[in-house]
Amino acid sequence: MRFRNQHVLVVGGTGGIGLETVRRFLSEGAQVAVIGVESEDQLSDEQKHVLSSPDVIHVQADAASTQQMNHAAAKLEGIQKRLDVLVHVAGISARRFGDGPLDQCSEEGWDRAMSVNVKSVYNSNRIALKRMLEQREGGVIVNISSVLGMVGVRDHFTTHAYAASRGAVISLTKSAAVYYAKNNIRMNVVCPGLLDTPMSQRAISDPVICEALTEFQPLAPHVGYPNDVASAILFLASQEAKFMTGIALPVDGGWSAQ
């Protein structure tokens, strides 16, 4: 029960890594607010089951919209008495919008990746920091990036707008971590490899990519799961990591070590 009586906000908490993170925080005693892009009638039975907990507040908002996030934040301030932990998971692959190798990347693919993967982090982190500074009791922020923000690849994962957006999250987190350390606010970032999540089904279902994963992610079973990342998130958010800030923690089966 590491998070008993703590108030947590998970942005992008309605699916994949986010939903598993919400589930894990609840199991350890936290009160959890969830911001997701889906409305109530768009939620699956699994999502409804988790979000129906009496310890969950669910607010619909597009994290990339400053107006919607400001509105969500104002609503939550009237309900949640404080904010101890922010976890920002929200993000997309912009491949379907034209992301790819830089010479082929469409402007829409670039803009989508930067808006959803970078501006959303700006929105949530800015809101959380203002509230934590007002509280004057410190706090924790954990952002989610990707191993593709740390290393380059030759084949299969050449979405350069996505890589640039994920690298921006790492740089933003490190820079802000140093600045806000004086306020006892810790900021870290988790960098997953390829996971079995709804966003990754194109790659997971491709036998060529699955074979390549034995090289990319040499640690069996060569693909990660949301729970692997949730474990890292909860560790960084807990007092077990109280002397850790500004780190980019790979959860990637050995990808970035090569």
Protein backbone atom coordinates (compact mmCIF):
# COMPACT_ATOMS: atom_id res chain seq x y z
CA MET A 1 0.00 0.00 0.00
CA ARG A 2 2.72 2.46 -1.02
CA PHE A 3 0.20 5.07 -2.15
CA ARG A 4 -2.36 5.00 0.64
CA ASN A 5 -4.01 8.44 0.98
CA GLN A 6 -2.17 9.77 -2.09
CA HIS A 7 -3.91 11.46 -5.00
CA VAL A 8 -2.74 10.43 -8.47
CA LEU A 9 -3.61 11.77 -11.92
CA VAL A 10 -3.11 9.48 -14.93
CA VAL A 11 -3.39 11.23 -18.29
CA GLY A 12 -4.14 8.66 -20.96
CA GLY A 13 -5.36 6.25 -18.30
CA THR A 14 -8.12 4.53 -20.28
CA GLY A 15 -6.14 1.95 -22.22
CA GLY A 16 -2.95 -0.10 -22.51
CA ILE A 17 -0.21 1.09 -20.17
CA GLY A 18 -2.47 3.77 -18.69
CA LEU A 19 -5.31 1.46 -17.68
CA GLU A 20 -2.90 -1.04 -16.12
CA THR A 21 -1.22 1.80 -14.24
CA VAL A 22 -4.57 2.95 -12.87
CA ARG A 23 -5.34 -0.60 -11.77
CA ARG A 24 -1.98 -0.89 -10.00
CA PHE A 25 -2.29 2.45 -8.18
CA LEU A 26 -5.76 1.46 -6.96
CA SER A 27 -4.40 -1.83 -5.66
CA GLU A 28 -1.84 0.11 -3.60
CA GLY A 29 -4.32 2.46 -1.95
CA ALA A 30 -4.31 5.56 -4.18
CA GLN A 31 -7.17 7.84 -5.13
CA VAL A 32 -6.89 8.12 -8.92
CA ALA A 33 -8.14 10.72 -11.38
CA VAL A 34 -8.11 9.60 -14.99
CA ILE A 35 -8.12 11.80 -18.07
CA GLY A 36 -8.87 10.01 -21.32
CA VAL A 37 -10.07 10.97 -24.75
CA GLU A 38 -12.98 8.49 -24.72
CA SER A 39 -16.46 9.41 -23.55
CA GLU A 40 -18.33 7.09 -21.17
CA ASP A 41 -20.25 5.40 -24.00
CA GLN A 42 -17.00 4.66 -25.87
CA LEU A 43 -15.46 2.68 -23.01
CA SER A 44 -15.11 -1.10 -23.17
CA ASP A 45 -16.40 -3.36 -20.42
CA GLU A 46 -12.85 -3.72 -19.06
CA GLN A 47 -12.36 0.05 -18.98
CA LYS A 48 -15.72 0.56 -17.28
CA HIS A 49 -14.86 -2.08 -14.68
CA VAL A 50 -11.64 -0.32 -13.66
CA LEU A 51 -12.98 3.22 -13.89
CA SER A 52 -16.14 2.40 -11.93
CA SER A 53 -14.10 2.07 -8.74
CA PRO A 54 -15.26 4.50 -6.03
CA ASP A 55 -11.63 5.63 -5.82
CA VAL A 56 -11.57 6.77 -9.49
CA ILE A 57 -12.62 10.07 -11.04
CA HIS A 58 -12.90 9.93 -14.84
CA VAL A 59 -12.81 13.10 -16.93
CA GLN A 60 -12.94 13.18 -20.72
CA ALA A 61 -10.44 15.49 -22.42
CA ASP A 62 -8.02 15.56 -25.34
CA ALA A 63 -4.62 15.96 -23.67
CA ALA A 64 -3.28 17.80 -26.73
CA SER A 65 -5.93 20.53 -26.31
CA THR A 66 -4.84 23.23 -23.88
CA GLN A 67 -8.43 24.43 -23.51
CA GLN A 68 -9.79 20.96 -22.72
CA MET A 69 -6.96 20.19 -20.29
CA ASN A 70 -7.43 23.49 -18.46
CA HIS A 71 -11.14 22.72 -18.15
CA ALA A 72 -10.40 19.18 -16.89
CA ALA A 73 -7.88 20.53 -14.39
CA ALA A 74 -10.39 23.05 -13.03
CA LYS A 75 -12.97 20.29 -12.66
CA LEU A 76 -10.54 18.01 -10.84
CA GLU A 77 -9.38 20.76 -8.47
CA GLY A 78 -12.94 21.00 -7.25
CA ILE A 79 -13.00 17.26 -6.50
CA GLN A 80 -9.46 16.11 -5.67
CA LYS A 81 -8.17 17.92 -2.60
CA ARG A 82 -4.53 17.66 -3.74
CA LEU A 83 -2.21 16.17 -6.36
CA ASP A 84 0.74 14.03 -5.32
CA VAL A 85 1.61 12.15 -8.52
CA LEU A 86 1.11 12.81 -12.24
CA VAL A 87 1.63 10.00 -14.73
CA HIS A 88 1.44 11.04 -18.38
CA VAL A 89 0.87 8.09 -20.71
CA ALA A 90 -1.14 9.64 -23.55
CA GLY A 91 0.50 9.32 -26.96
CA ILE A 92 0.05 7.90 -30.44
CA SER A 93 1.85 6.41 -33.39
CA ALA A 94 1.45 8.84 -36.28
CA ARG A 95 2.16 6.23 -38.97
CA ARG A 96 -1.43 6.31 -40.21
CA PHE A 97 -1.10 10.08 -40.67
CA GLY A 98 1.99 9.75 -42.87
CA ASP A 99 4.87 9.39 -40.41
CA GLY A 100 7.85 7.45 -41.72
CA PRO A 101 11.46 8.02 -42.80
CA LEU A 102 12.19 11.75 -42.72
CA ASP A 103 12.27 12.22 -46.50
CA GLN A 104 8.83 10.59 -46.74
CA CYS A 105 7.23 11.92 -43.55
CA SER A 106 4.13 13.99 -44.28
CA GLU A 107 3.49 17.33 -42.63
CA GLU A 108 0.33 15.91 -41.09
CA GLY A 109 2.28 12.98 -39.65
CA TRP A 110 4.84 15.37 -38.15
CA ASP A 111 2.23 17.74 -36.73
CA ARG A 112 0.13 14.92 -35.24
CA ALA A 113 3.14 13.34 -33.53
CA MET A 114 4.27 16.64 -32.07
CA SER A 115 0.80 17.65 -30.93
CA VAL A 116 -0.31 14.42 -29.29
CA ASN A 117 3.08 13.27 -28.00
CA VAL A 118 4.72 16.57 -27.00
CA LYS A 119 2.11 19.29 -26.55
CA SER A 120 0.02 16.95 -24.41
CA VAL A 121 3.00 16.48 -22.07
CA TYR A 122 3.45 20.25 -21.94
CA ASN A 123 -0.22 20.63 -20.99
CA SER A 124 -0.33 18.00 -18.25
CA ASN A 125 3.08 18.73 -16.75
CA ARG A 126 2.44 22.48 -16.63
CA ILE A 127 -0.89 21.95 -14.87
CA ALA A 128 0.59 19.47 -12.38
CA LEU A 129 3.61 21.62 -11.61
CA LYS A 130 1.49 24.69 -10.87
CA ARG A 131 -0.61 22.71 -8.44
CA MET A 132 2.38 21.05 -6.76
CA LEU A 133 4.11 24.41 -6.37
CA GLU A 134 1.00 25.86 -4.76
CA GLN A 135 0.86 22.93 -2.33
CA ARG A 136 4.52 23.47 -1.33
CA GLU A 137 4.94 19.80 -0.44
CA GLY A 138 6.76 18.46 -3.48
CA GLY A 139 5.39 15.83 -5.83
CA VAL A 140 6.25 13.31 -8.52
CA ILE A 141 5.83 13.36 -12.29
CA VAL A 142 6.42 10.29 -14.47
CA ASN A 143 6.22 10.76 -18.24
CA ILE A 144 6.15 7.96 -20.81
CA SER A 145 8.42 8.16 -23.83
CA SER A 146 9.84 5.28 -25.90
CA VAL A 147 13.07 3.48 -26.58
CA LEU A 148 12.80 5.07 -30.05
CA GLY A 149 13.43 8.42 -28.38
CA MET A 150 16.79 7.05 -27.20
CA VAL A 151 18.20 5.04 -30.12
CA GLY A 152 17.90 4.90 -33.89
CA VAL A 153 16.93 1.89 -35.98
CA ARG A 154 17.54 0.88 -39.59
CA ASP A 155 14.36 -1.09 -40.27
CA HIS A 156 10.78 -1.73 -39.15
CA PHE A 157 10.43 1.24 -36.75
CA THR A 158 11.52 4.16 -38.93
CA THR A 159 8.88 6.69 -37.91
CA HIS A 160 11.05 9.75 -37.48
CA ALA A 161 8.37 12.19 -36.30
CA TYR A 162 7.46 9.72 -33.56
CA ALA A 163 11.12 9.32 -32.61
CA ALA A 164 11.59 13.09 -32.48
CA SER A 165 8.49 13.54 -30.34
CA ARG A 166 9.61 10.87 -27.90
CA GLY A 167 13.09 12.36 -27.70
CA ALA A 168 11.50 15.72 -26.89
CA VAL A 169 9.69 14.19 -23.91
CA ILE A 170 12.98 12.86 -22.55
CA SER A 171 14.75 16.22 -22.95
CA LEU A 172 11.84 18.16 -21.46
CA THR A 173 11.65 15.84 -18.45
CA LYS A 174 15.39 15.99 -17.76
CA SER A 175 15.56 19.76 -18.07
CA ALA A 176 12.52 20.35 -15.87
CA ALA A 177 13.71 17.77 -13.31
CA VAL A 178 16.83 19.78 -12.62
CA TYR A 179 14.93 23.06 -12.32
CA TYR A 180 12.17 21.81 -10.00
CA ALA A 181 14.42 19.71 -7.77
CA LYS A 182 14.65 22.74 -5.46
CA ASN A 183 10.91 22.36 -4.91
CA ASN A 184 11.22 18.67 -4.04
CA ILE A 185 9.40 17.72 -7.23
CA ARG A 186 10.87 14.64 -8.89
CA MET A 187 10.46 14.13 -12.64
CA ASN A 188 11.43 10.95 -14.49
CA VAL A 189 10.57 9.28 -17.77
CA VAL A 190 9.99 5.63 -18.66
CA CYS A 191 11.02 4.44 -22.12
CA PRO A 192 9.25 1.23 -23.14
CA GLY A 193 10.30 -1.03 -25.96
CA LEU A 194 7.68 -2.79 -28.07
CA LEU A 195 4.77 -3.90 -25.91
CA ASP A 196 1.69 -5.97 -26.55
CA THR A 197 -0.78 -3.06 -26.46
CA PRO A 198 -3.62 -1.92 -28.74
CA MET A 199 -1.32 0.72 -30.30
CA SER A 200 1.28 -1.91 -31.26
CA GLN A 201 -0.91 -4.55 -32.90
CA ARG A 202 0.40 -3.79 -36.40
CA ALA A 203 3.90 -4.70 -35.33
CA ILE A 204 2.92 -7.53 -32.97
CA SER A 205 0.93 -9.28 -35.72
CA ASP A 206 3.71 -8.99 -38.33
CA PRO A 207 5.78 -12.22 -38.39
CA VAL A 208 8.77 -10.41 -39.88
CA ILE A 209 8.81 -7.86 -37.05
CA CYS A 210 8.26 -10.60 -34.47
CA GLU A 211 11.35 -12.35 -35.77
CA ALA A 212 13.30 -9.08 -35.70
CA LEU A 213 12.29 -8.56 -32.09
CA THR A 214 14.47 -11.48 -31.07
CA GLU A 215 17.37 -9.19 -32.00
CA PHE A 216 15.86 -5.83 -30.96
CA GLN A 217 14.64 -7.11 -27.57
CA PRO A 218 16.88 -10.10 -26.78
CA LEU A 219 15.33 -10.76 -23.38
CA ALA A 220 12.64 -13.44 -23.74
CA PRO A 221 9.73 -13.39 -24.47
CA HIS A 222 10.96 -10.55 -26.74
CA VAL A 223 7.82 -8.47 -26.24
CA GLY A 224 6.81 -6.50 -23.16
CA TYR A 225 3.45 -6.03 -21.50
CA PRO A 226 1.70 -3.05 -19.91
CA ASN A 227 2.30 -4.46 -16.44
CA ASP A 228 6.07 -4.34 -17.03
CA VAL A 229 5.87 -0.59 -17.58
CA ALA A 230 3.33 -0.03 -14.80
CA SER A 231 5.76 -1.64 -12.34
CA ALA A 232 8.46 0.84 -13.37
CA ILE A 233 6.04 3.75 -13.11
CA LEU A 234 4.95 2.84 -9.59
CA PHE A 235 8.55 2.38 -8.51
CA LEU A 236 9.55 5.84 -9.77
CA ALA A 237 6.46 7.37 -8.17
CA SER A 238 7.15 5.75 -4.80
CA GLN A 239 9.46 6.68 -1.95
CA GLU A 240 11.70 3.81 -3.02
CA ALA A 241 12.92 6.18 -5.75
CA LYS A 242 13.10 9.28 -3.55
CA PHE A 243 16.68 10.12 -4.65
CA MET A 244 16.03 9.63 -8.36
CA THR A 245 15.13 12.47 -10.69
CA GLY A 246 15.83 13.31 -14.32
CA ILE A 247 16.38 9.72 -15.45
CA ALA A 248 15.17 7.99 -18.60
CA LEU A 249 14.48 4.40 -17.55
CA PRO A 250 14.33 1.86 -20.40
CA VAL A 251 11.86 -1.01 -20.04
CA ASP A 252 12.82 -2.54 -23.33
CA GLY A 253 14.11 -6.10 -23.02
CA GLY A 254 17.67 -4.97 -23.73
CA TRP A 255 16.97 -2.91 -26.86
CA SER A 256 18.78 0.27 -25.80
CA ALA A 257 21.75 -1.64 -24.34
CA GLN A 258 22.92 -2.74 -27.78
